[in-house]
Each structure stands twice: as C-alpha cells, then as structure tokens.
C-alpha cells in the first residue's frame, strides 16, 4: 500500500531530470541558462514546481498553525512570546504579511516582513549559534574519548 506515490515521485523526478539535462527548448545548448524563456525546464519549473511548492507551503502553514495551537495555548509568558514570534514569521514569509503591512513605512522596520526578518536575524541566529556550539562541544568530547581510548565502542566492545 502506498507504492503508487513512490512511482509518481520517481516518474516526476526522472522527467524533470531528463528535461533539465537536455534543455531541448534552450537555444544555448547544454551550457545555457536553464531558466531561459522558452526552455522546457523553465516550463516544468513555472507550471509544476512553483504550484506544488505553494501547495506544500499552504499545507505546512496549516500544520504549523494547528500544532502551535495545540502545543502553545499561551499557558505562560514564554509560550506566548514563542506563539507571537511564530505567527509573525509565518505571516512575514508570505504575501499576506506584505498586504497587512501596507500602512507602515518599510524603512521603519515595523512591517510584518521586516519584523519577521529581524526575528530570523537576531534571536533565531543566537539560538542557531548556541546549537552549533553544543554540537561542536559534543564532537570534541567524543573525539577526545576515542583518541584517549576511553570509548572503544567503535571497535565493537561495550
């Protein structure tokens, strides 16, 4: 059950690969621009990939909205801040955020897309750096354990 979706996925993958590699509609040949007007790869991109991407984003937005409602429910201040930030980012990454921010001056930074960009550039970046530091410390500690012979699980012993 469900193998039909795999077949459709593989057919789509190989069809796009075939069209992209040959680029039969592009007069520049194999080294030309794949998104040039008139190329078959551009046709696949504009009429298949972009609508499917929009559909996936809409499904993801619905999933995130329903999951955040169930998970956050604004039980405390931290959950409320997280919920508001997620909502701003969700709106800021779509055209709806631009439409809702028509009354703000883009230079002030108080539009929804600008606020979403600020959240992604500062608080989110700090979290990403903390995760990367944690990963680096884990790699260093595991490497030292292996180098010093404390951990020999890679040899098959416990």
N, C-alpha and C. Protein backbone atom coordinates (compact mmCIF):
# COMPACT_ATOMS: atom_id res chain seq x y z
N UNK A 1 0.84 -1.20 0.00
CA UNK A 1 0.00 0.00 0.00
C UNK A 1 0.87 1.25 0.00
N UNK A 2 0.50 2.20 -0.84
CA UNK A 2 1.21 3.47 -0.91
C UNK A 2 2.36 3.49 -1.91
N UNK A 3 2.59 2.37 -2.61
CA UNK A 3 3.70 2.34 -3.55
C UNK A 3 3.42 3.19 -4.79
N UNK A 4 2.16 3.47 -5.07
CA UNK A 4 1.82 4.30 -6.22
C UNK A 4 2.40 5.70 -6.12
N UNK A 5 2.45 6.24 -4.89
CA UNK A 5 3.03 7.56 -4.70
C UNK A 5 4.52 7.56 -5.00
N UNK A 6 5.18 6.47 -4.67
CA UNK A 6 6.60 6.36 -4.98
C UNK A 6 6.83 6.33 -6.48
N UNK A 7 5.95 5.65 -7.21
CA UNK A 7 6.06 5.60 -8.67
C UNK A 7 5.87 6.99 -9.26
N UNK A 8 4.86 7.71 -8.78
CA UNK A 8 4.62 9.07 -9.28
C UNK A 8 5.81 9.97 -8.97
N UNK A 9 6.37 9.83 -7.77
CA UNK A 9 7.54 10.62 -7.39
C UNK A 9 8.73 10.32 -8.29
N UNK A 10 8.98 9.06 -8.56
CA UNK A 10 10.11 8.68 -9.41
C UNK A 10 9.90 9.13 -10.85
N UNK A 11 8.68 9.02 -11.36
CA UNK A 11 8.39 9.48 -12.73
C UNK A 11 8.63 10.99 -12.82
N UNK A 12 8.14 11.73 -11.84
CA UNK A 12 8.35 13.18 -11.84
C UNK A 12 9.82 13.54 -11.73
N UNK A 13 10.55 12.81 -10.90
CA UNK A 13 11.98 13.07 -10.75
C UNK A 13 12.72 12.85 -12.05
N UNK A 14 12.49 11.69 -12.69
CA UNK A 14 13.22 11.38 -13.91
C UNK A 14 12.77 12.26 -15.08
N UNK A 15 11.50 12.64 -15.13
CA UNK A 15 11.04 13.54 -16.19
C UNK A 15 11.71 14.90 -16.06
N UNK A 16 11.77 15.43 -14.84
CA UNK A 16 12.42 16.72 -14.62
C UNK A 16 13.92 16.62 -14.88
N UNK A 17 14.53 15.53 -14.47
CA UNK A 17 15.95 15.32 -14.73
C UNK A 17 16.23 15.26 -16.22
N UNK A 18 15.40 14.54 -16.95
CA UNK A 18 15.57 14.41 -18.40
C UNK A 18 15.44 15.77 -19.09
N UNK A 19 14.39 16.50 -18.74
CA UNK A 19 14.17 17.82 -19.36
C UNK A 19 15.28 18.78 -18.96
N UNK A 20 15.69 18.75 -17.71
CA UNK A 20 16.73 19.65 -17.25
C UNK A 20 18.08 19.37 -17.85
N UNK A 21 18.40 18.09 -18.08
CA UNK A 21 19.70 17.77 -18.65
C UNK A 21 19.76 18.06 -20.14
N UNK A 22 18.69 17.80 -20.82
CA UNK A 22 18.71 18.04 -22.27
C UNK A 22 18.48 19.51 -22.59
N UNK A 23 17.63 20.16 -21.83
CA UNK A 23 17.27 21.55 -22.07
C UNK A 23 16.96 21.77 -23.55
N UNK A 24 16.06 20.94 -24.07
CA UNK A 24 15.81 20.94 -25.51
C UNK A 24 15.23 22.25 -26.02
N UNK A 25 14.56 23.01 -25.17
CA UNK A 25 13.97 24.26 -25.63
C UNK A 25 14.91 25.43 -25.54
N UNK A 26 16.12 25.23 -25.03
CA UNK A 26 17.06 26.32 -24.84
C UNK A 26 18.03 26.37 -26.02
N UNK A 27 18.08 27.47 -26.75
CA UNK A 27 18.96 27.54 -27.92
C UNK A 27 20.44 27.56 -27.56
N UNK A 28 20.79 27.83 -26.29
CA UNK A 28 22.20 27.89 -25.91
C UNK A 28 22.81 26.51 -25.69
N UNK A 29 22.02 25.48 -25.75
CA UNK A 29 22.55 24.13 -25.61
C UNK A 29 22.76 23.73 -24.16
N UNK A 30 23.65 22.78 -23.96
CA UNK A 30 23.80 22.15 -22.65
C UNK A 30 24.40 23.09 -21.61
N UNK A 31 25.16 24.11 -22.01
CA UNK A 31 25.77 25.02 -21.05
C UNK A 31 24.96 26.28 -20.86
N UNK A 32 23.79 26.35 -21.46
CA UNK A 32 22.99 27.57 -21.39
C UNK A 32 22.25 27.73 -20.07
N UNK A 33 21.49 28.78 -20.00
CA UNK A 33 20.72 29.10 -18.80
C UNK A 33 19.49 28.20 -18.72
N UNK A 34 19.33 27.42 -17.65
CA UNK A 34 18.18 26.51 -17.58
C UNK A 34 16.85 27.21 -17.39
N UNK A 35 16.86 28.46 -16.94
CA UNK A 35 15.60 29.17 -16.74
C UNK A 35 15.34 30.20 -17.83
N UNK A 36 16.01 30.05 -18.98
CA UNK A 36 15.78 30.96 -20.09
C UNK A 36 14.36 30.79 -20.62
N UNK A 37 13.77 31.87 -21.07
CA UNK A 37 12.41 31.80 -21.61
C UNK A 37 12.41 30.87 -22.81
N UNK A 38 11.42 30.00 -22.84
CA UNK A 38 11.28 29.07 -23.95
C UNK A 38 11.87 27.70 -23.68
N UNK A 39 12.65 27.56 -22.62
CA UNK A 39 13.22 26.24 -22.34
C UNK A 39 12.16 25.37 -21.68
N UNK A 40 12.27 24.08 -21.91
CA UNK A 40 11.31 23.15 -21.32
C UNK A 40 11.50 23.05 -19.80
N UNK A 41 12.74 23.24 -19.35
CA UNK A 41 12.99 23.20 -17.92
C UNK A 41 12.28 24.36 -17.23
N UNK A 42 12.27 25.53 -17.87
CA UNK A 42 11.54 26.68 -17.32
C UNK A 42 10.05 26.38 -17.28
N UNK A 43 9.53 25.69 -18.29
CA UNK A 43 8.12 25.31 -18.30
C UNK A 43 7.80 24.39 -17.13
N UNK A 44 8.65 23.40 -16.89
CA UNK A 44 8.45 22.49 -15.76
C UNK A 44 8.52 23.26 -14.46
N UNK A 45 9.46 24.19 -14.35
CA UNK A 45 9.63 24.95 -13.12
C UNK A 45 8.42 25.85 -12.86
N UNK A 46 8.00 26.59 -13.87
CA UNK A 46 6.91 27.56 -13.68
C UNK A 46 5.55 26.90 -13.49
N UNK A 47 5.29 25.80 -14.21
CA UNK A 47 3.94 25.23 -14.21
C UNK A 47 3.78 23.98 -13.34
N UNK A 48 4.88 23.43 -12.84
CA UNK A 48 4.77 22.26 -11.96
C UNK A 48 5.37 22.54 -10.59
N UNK A 49 6.64 22.96 -10.58
CA UNK A 49 7.33 23.10 -9.31
C UNK A 49 6.78 24.24 -8.46
N UNK A 50 6.56 25.40 -9.05
CA UNK A 50 6.06 26.54 -8.27
C UNK A 50 4.68 26.29 -7.68
N UNK A 51 3.70 25.78 -8.44
CA UNK A 51 2.40 25.50 -7.81
C UNK A 51 2.47 24.41 -6.74
N UNK A 52 3.29 23.38 -6.97
CA UNK A 52 3.43 22.34 -5.96
C UNK A 52 4.12 22.88 -4.71
N UNK A 53 5.08 23.78 -4.88
CA UNK A 53 5.72 24.40 -3.72
C UNK A 53 4.74 25.24 -2.93
N UNK A 54 3.89 25.98 -3.63
CA UNK A 54 2.87 26.78 -2.95
C UNK A 54 1.90 25.89 -2.19
N UNK A 55 1.54 24.76 -2.78
CA UNK A 55 0.65 23.82 -2.10
C UNK A 55 1.30 23.25 -0.85
N UNK A 56 2.56 22.87 -0.96
CA UNK A 56 3.26 22.34 0.21
C UNK A 56 3.38 23.39 1.30
N UNK A 57 3.63 24.65 0.92
CA UNK A 57 3.73 25.70 1.93
C UNK A 57 2.39 25.92 2.61
N UNK A 58 1.30 25.85 1.86
CA UNK A 58 -0.02 26.02 2.46
C UNK A 58 -0.33 24.88 3.42
N UNK A 59 0.00 23.65 3.03
CA UNK A 59 -0.20 22.52 3.94
C UNK A 59 0.67 22.64 5.19
N UNK A 60 1.91 23.08 4.99
CA UNK A 60 2.80 23.26 6.13
C UNK A 60 2.30 24.36 7.05
N UNK A 61 1.79 25.45 6.47
CA UNK A 61 1.26 26.54 7.29
C UNK A 61 0.07 26.06 8.11
N UNK A 62 -0.81 25.28 7.52
CA UNK A 62 -1.94 24.75 8.28
C UNK A 62 -1.47 23.82 9.38
N UNK A 63 -0.50 22.97 9.07
CA UNK A 63 0.02 22.04 10.07
C UNK A 63 0.68 22.80 11.22
N UNK A 64 1.48 23.82 10.90
CA UNK A 64 2.15 24.61 11.93
C UNK A 64 1.13 25.35 12.78
N UNK A 65 0.11 25.91 12.14
CA UNK A 65 -0.91 26.64 12.89
C UNK A 65 -1.67 25.71 13.84
N UNK A 66 -2.05 24.54 13.36
CA UNK A 66 -2.79 23.62 14.24
C UNK A 66 -1.90 23.05 15.34
N UNK A 67 -0.65 22.74 15.00
CA UNK A 67 0.26 22.20 16.02
C UNK A 67 0.61 23.25 17.06
N UNK A 68 0.81 24.49 16.61
CA UNK A 68 1.14 25.53 17.59
C UNK A 68 -0.05 25.84 18.49
N UNK A 69 -1.25 25.76 17.96
CA UNK A 69 -2.42 25.97 18.81
C UNK A 69 -2.50 24.90 19.90
N UNK A 70 -2.23 23.66 19.51
CA UNK A 70 -2.30 22.57 20.49
C UNK A 70 -1.12 22.62 21.47
N UNK A 71 0.06 23.01 20.98
CA UNK A 71 1.25 22.96 21.82
C UNK A 71 1.39 24.18 22.73
N UNK A 72 1.14 25.36 22.18
CA UNK A 72 1.42 26.57 22.94
C UNK A 72 0.27 26.93 23.88
N UNK A 73 -0.86 27.23 23.33
CA UNK A 73 -2.05 27.65 24.07
C UNK A 73 -1.78 28.75 25.08
N UNK A 74 -0.68 29.47 24.91
CA UNK A 74 -0.33 30.63 25.72
C UNK A 74 -0.49 30.36 27.21
N UNK A 75 0.11 29.29 27.70
CA UNK A 75 0.00 28.93 29.11
C UNK A 75 0.82 29.86 30.00
N UNK A 76 1.96 30.34 29.49
CA UNK A 76 2.79 31.26 30.26
C UNK A 76 3.38 32.30 29.32
N UNK A 77 4.23 33.18 29.86
CA UNK A 77 4.77 34.29 29.08
C UNK A 77 5.67 33.78 27.96
N UNK A 78 6.51 32.79 28.25
CA UNK A 78 7.43 32.27 27.23
C UNK A 78 6.68 31.64 26.07
N UNK A 79 5.64 30.89 26.37
CA UNK A 79 4.84 30.27 25.31
C UNK A 79 4.13 31.33 24.48
N UNK A 80 3.68 32.40 25.12
CA UNK A 80 3.02 33.48 24.39
C UNK A 80 4.00 34.18 23.46
N UNK A 81 5.21 34.46 23.93
CA UNK A 81 6.23 35.10 23.09
C UNK A 81 6.57 34.20 21.91
N UNK A 82 6.72 32.91 22.15
CA UNK A 82 7.02 31.96 21.08
C UNK A 82 5.89 31.89 20.06
N UNK A 83 4.66 31.90 20.54
CA UNK A 83 3.50 31.86 19.65
C UNK A 83 3.41 33.12 18.80
N UNK A 84 3.64 34.28 19.40
CA UNK A 84 3.59 35.55 18.65
C UNK A 84 4.72 35.59 17.62
N UNK A 85 5.92 35.17 18.00
CA UNK A 85 7.04 35.17 17.06
C UNK A 85 6.78 34.22 15.90
N UNK A 86 6.25 33.04 16.19
CA UNK A 86 5.93 32.09 15.11
C UNK A 86 4.87 32.64 14.18
N UNK A 87 3.88 33.32 14.74
CA UNK A 87 2.82 33.90 13.91
C UNK A 87 3.36 35.02 13.03
N UNK A 88 4.25 35.85 13.58
CA UNK A 88 4.85 36.94 12.80
C UNK A 88 5.70 36.37 11.67
N UNK A 89 6.48 35.34 11.96
CA UNK A 89 7.33 34.73 10.92
C UNK A 89 6.47 34.07 9.85
N UNK A 90 5.41 33.39 10.28
CA UNK A 90 4.52 32.74 9.31
C UNK A 90 3.88 33.76 8.39
N UNK A 91 3.44 34.88 8.93
CA UNK A 91 2.86 35.93 8.09
C UNK A 91 3.92 36.67 7.30
N UNK A 92 5.09 36.89 7.90
CA UNK A 92 6.14 37.65 7.24
C UNK A 92 6.75 36.96 6.05
N UNK A 93 6.68 35.67 6.00
CA UNK A 93 7.26 34.91 4.88
C UNK A 93 6.28 34.72 3.73
N UNK A 94 5.10 35.27 3.85
CA UNK A 94 4.10 35.15 2.79
C UNK A 94 3.71 36.53 2.28
N UNK A 95 2.95 36.54 1.22
CA UNK A 95 2.46 37.79 0.65
C UNK A 95 1.44 38.46 1.57
N UNK A 96 0.79 37.68 2.40
CA UNK A 96 -0.23 38.22 3.31
C UNK A 96 0.40 39.23 4.26
N UNK A 97 1.62 38.98 4.72
CA UNK A 97 2.29 39.91 5.62
C UNK A 97 2.54 41.25 4.97
N UNK A 98 2.89 41.24 3.69
CA UNK A 98 3.09 42.49 2.97
C UNK A 98 1.77 43.23 2.80
N UNK A 99 0.72 42.50 2.50
CA UNK A 99 -0.60 43.13 2.34
C UNK A 99 -1.08 43.73 3.65
N UNK A 100 -0.89 43.02 4.76
CA UNK A 100 -1.33 43.52 6.05
C UNK A 100 -0.49 44.70 6.54
N UNK A 101 0.72 44.86 6.00
CA UNK A 101 1.62 45.94 6.42
C UNK A 101 1.61 47.11 5.45
N UNK A 102 0.55 47.26 4.66
CA UNK A 102 0.53 48.32 3.65
C UNK A 102 0.61 49.71 4.27
N UNK A 103 0.16 49.88 5.48
CA UNK A 103 0.10 51.19 6.11
C UNK A 103 1.41 51.59 6.78
N UNK A 104 2.38 50.69 6.87
CA UNK A 104 3.65 51.01 7.51
C UNK A 104 4.69 51.39 6.47
N UNK A 105 5.63 52.22 6.89
CA UNK A 105 6.75 52.59 6.03
C UNK A 105 7.80 51.49 6.12
N UNK A 106 8.22 50.91 4.98
CA UNK A 106 9.18 49.80 5.04
C UNK A 106 10.50 50.17 5.70
N UNK A 107 10.86 51.45 5.68
CA UNK A 107 12.11 51.88 6.28
C UNK A 107 12.10 51.87 7.79
N UNK A 108 10.93 51.91 8.41
CA UNK A 108 10.86 51.96 9.87
C UNK A 108 11.12 50.61 10.51
N UNK A 109 10.87 49.53 9.80
CA UNK A 109 11.07 48.20 10.36
C UNK A 109 9.90 47.67 11.15
N UNK A 110 8.75 48.35 11.08
CA UNK A 110 7.58 47.91 11.83
C UNK A 110 6.58 47.14 10.98
N UNK A 111 6.93 46.84 9.74
CA UNK A 111 6.07 45.99 8.92
C UNK A 111 6.26 44.54 9.32
N UNK A 112 5.29 43.72 8.99
CA UNK A 112 5.37 42.30 9.37
C UNK A 112 6.56 41.61 8.71
N UNK A 113 6.84 41.83 7.41
CA UNK A 113 8.03 41.18 6.82
C UNK A 113 9.34 41.65 7.47
N UNK A 114 9.42 42.93 7.83
CA UNK A 114 10.63 43.43 8.47
C UNK A 114 10.79 42.86 9.88
N UNK A 115 9.68 42.73 10.61
CA UNK A 115 9.75 42.13 11.94
C UNK A 115 10.15 40.65 11.85
N UNK A 116 9.62 39.94 10.84
CA UNK A 116 9.99 38.54 10.66
C UNK A 116 11.47 38.42 10.33
N UNK A 117 11.96 39.33 9.50
CA UNK A 117 13.39 39.30 9.16
C UNK A 117 14.25 39.58 10.39
N UNK A 118 13.82 40.53 11.24
CA UNK A 118 14.56 40.82 12.46
C UNK A 118 14.59 39.61 13.39
N UNK A 119 13.45 38.94 13.54
CA UNK A 119 13.39 37.76 14.40
C UNK A 119 14.33 36.67 13.87
N UNK A 120 14.36 36.50 12.56
CA UNK A 120 15.23 35.47 11.98
C UNK A 120 16.71 35.85 12.07
N UNK A 121 17.02 37.16 12.01
CA UNK A 121 18.42 37.59 12.01
C UNK A 121 19.04 37.71 13.39
N UNK A 122 18.26 37.94 14.43
CA UNK A 122 18.85 38.18 15.75
C UNK A 122 18.51 37.09 16.77
N UNK A 123 17.28 36.98 17.26
CA UNK A 123 17.03 35.93 18.26
C UNK A 123 17.22 34.52 17.71
N UNK A 124 16.78 34.28 16.49
CA UNK A 124 16.92 32.95 15.89
C UNK A 124 18.38 32.61 15.65
N UNK A 125 19.15 33.60 15.21
CA UNK A 125 20.57 33.36 14.95
C UNK A 125 21.31 33.02 16.24
N UNK A 126 20.92 33.66 17.34
CA UNK A 126 21.54 33.34 18.63
C UNK A 126 21.25 31.89 19.01
N UNK A 127 20.04 31.44 18.79
CA UNK A 127 19.70 30.04 19.06
C UNK A 127 20.47 29.08 18.17
N UNK A 128 20.61 29.44 16.89
CA UNK A 128 21.36 28.58 15.98
C UNK A 128 22.82 28.48 16.40
N UNK A 129 23.39 29.61 16.84
CA UNK A 129 24.79 29.58 17.28
C UNK A 129 24.95 28.73 18.53
N UNK A 130 23.99 28.82 19.45
CA UNK A 130 24.06 28.00 20.66
C UNK A 130 24.00 26.52 20.32
N UNK A 131 23.14 26.16 19.37
CA UNK A 131 23.06 24.76 18.95
C UNK A 131 24.36 24.31 18.30
N UNK A 132 24.95 25.17 17.46
CA UNK A 132 26.21 24.82 16.80
C UNK A 132 27.35 24.68 17.81
N UNK A 133 27.37 25.53 18.84
CA UNK A 133 28.39 25.41 19.88
C UNK A 133 28.21 24.09 20.63
N UNK A 134 26.97 23.73 20.92
CA UNK A 134 26.70 22.45 21.59
C UNK A 134 27.14 21.27 20.74
N UNK A 135 26.88 21.34 19.44
CA UNK A 135 27.31 20.27 18.53
C UNK A 135 28.83 20.18 18.51
N UNK A 136 29.51 21.33 18.44
CA UNK A 136 30.97 21.34 18.41
C UNK A 136 31.55 20.75 19.69
N UNK A 137 30.97 21.11 20.83
CA UNK A 137 31.45 20.55 22.10
C UNK A 137 31.23 19.04 22.16
N UNK A 138 30.11 18.57 21.64
CA UNK A 138 29.86 17.13 21.59
C UNK A 138 30.85 16.41 20.70
N UNK A 139 31.17 17.01 19.57
CA UNK A 139 32.15 16.40 18.65
C UNK A 139 33.52 16.34 19.31
N UNK A 140 33.91 17.45 19.96
CA UNK A 140 35.22 17.48 20.62
C UNK A 140 35.30 16.45 21.73
N UNK A 141 34.26 16.36 22.57
CA UNK A 141 34.30 15.41 23.68
C UNK A 141 34.31 13.96 23.17
N UNK A 142 33.52 13.67 22.15
CA UNK A 142 33.51 12.32 21.60
C UNK A 142 34.86 11.99 20.96
N UNK A 143 35.44 12.95 20.26
CA UNK A 143 36.75 12.73 19.63
C UNK A 143 37.82 12.47 20.68
N UNK A 144 37.80 13.27 21.76
CA UNK A 144 38.79 13.06 22.82
C UNK A 144 38.63 11.71 23.49
N UNK A 145 37.40 11.28 23.71
CA UNK A 145 37.17 9.96 24.31
C UNK A 145 37.71 8.85 23.42
N UNK A 146 37.54 9.00 22.12
CA UNK A 146 38.04 7.98 21.20
C UNK A 146 39.56 8.03 21.12
N UNK A 147 40.13 9.25 21.04
CA UNK A 147 41.58 9.39 20.93
C UNK A 147 42.28 8.87 22.19
N UNK A 148 41.73 9.18 23.36
CA UNK A 148 42.35 8.76 24.61
C UNK A 148 42.04 7.31 24.97
N UNK A 149 41.20 6.65 24.22
CA UNK A 149 40.90 5.25 24.44
C UNK A 149 39.86 5.01 25.52
N UNK A 150 39.17 6.03 25.94
CA UNK A 150 38.14 5.87 26.97
C UNK A 150 36.92 5.17 26.38
N UNK A 151 36.58 5.51 25.15
CA UNK A 151 35.42 4.93 24.48
C UNK A 151 35.92 4.04 23.35
N UNK A 152 35.67 2.75 23.45
CA UNK A 152 36.12 1.82 22.42
C UNK A 152 34.95 1.14 21.73
N UNK A 153 33.82 1.79 21.72
CA UNK A 153 32.64 1.18 21.10
C UNK A 153 32.80 1.05 19.59
N UNK A 154 33.67 1.86 18.99
CA UNK A 154 33.88 1.75 17.56
C UNK A 154 34.62 0.46 17.19
N UNK A 155 35.25 -0.18 18.18
CA UNK A 155 35.94 -1.45 17.93
C UNK A 155 35.02 -2.65 18.12
N UNK A 156 33.82 -2.41 18.57
CA UNK A 156 32.86 -3.49 18.74
C UNK A 156 32.66 -3.91 20.18
N UNK A 157 33.45 -3.35 21.10
CA UNK A 157 33.27 -3.70 22.52
C UNK A 157 32.44 -2.62 23.20
N UNK A 158 31.78 -3.00 24.28
CA UNK A 158 30.97 -2.03 25.02
C UNK A 158 31.79 -1.47 26.09
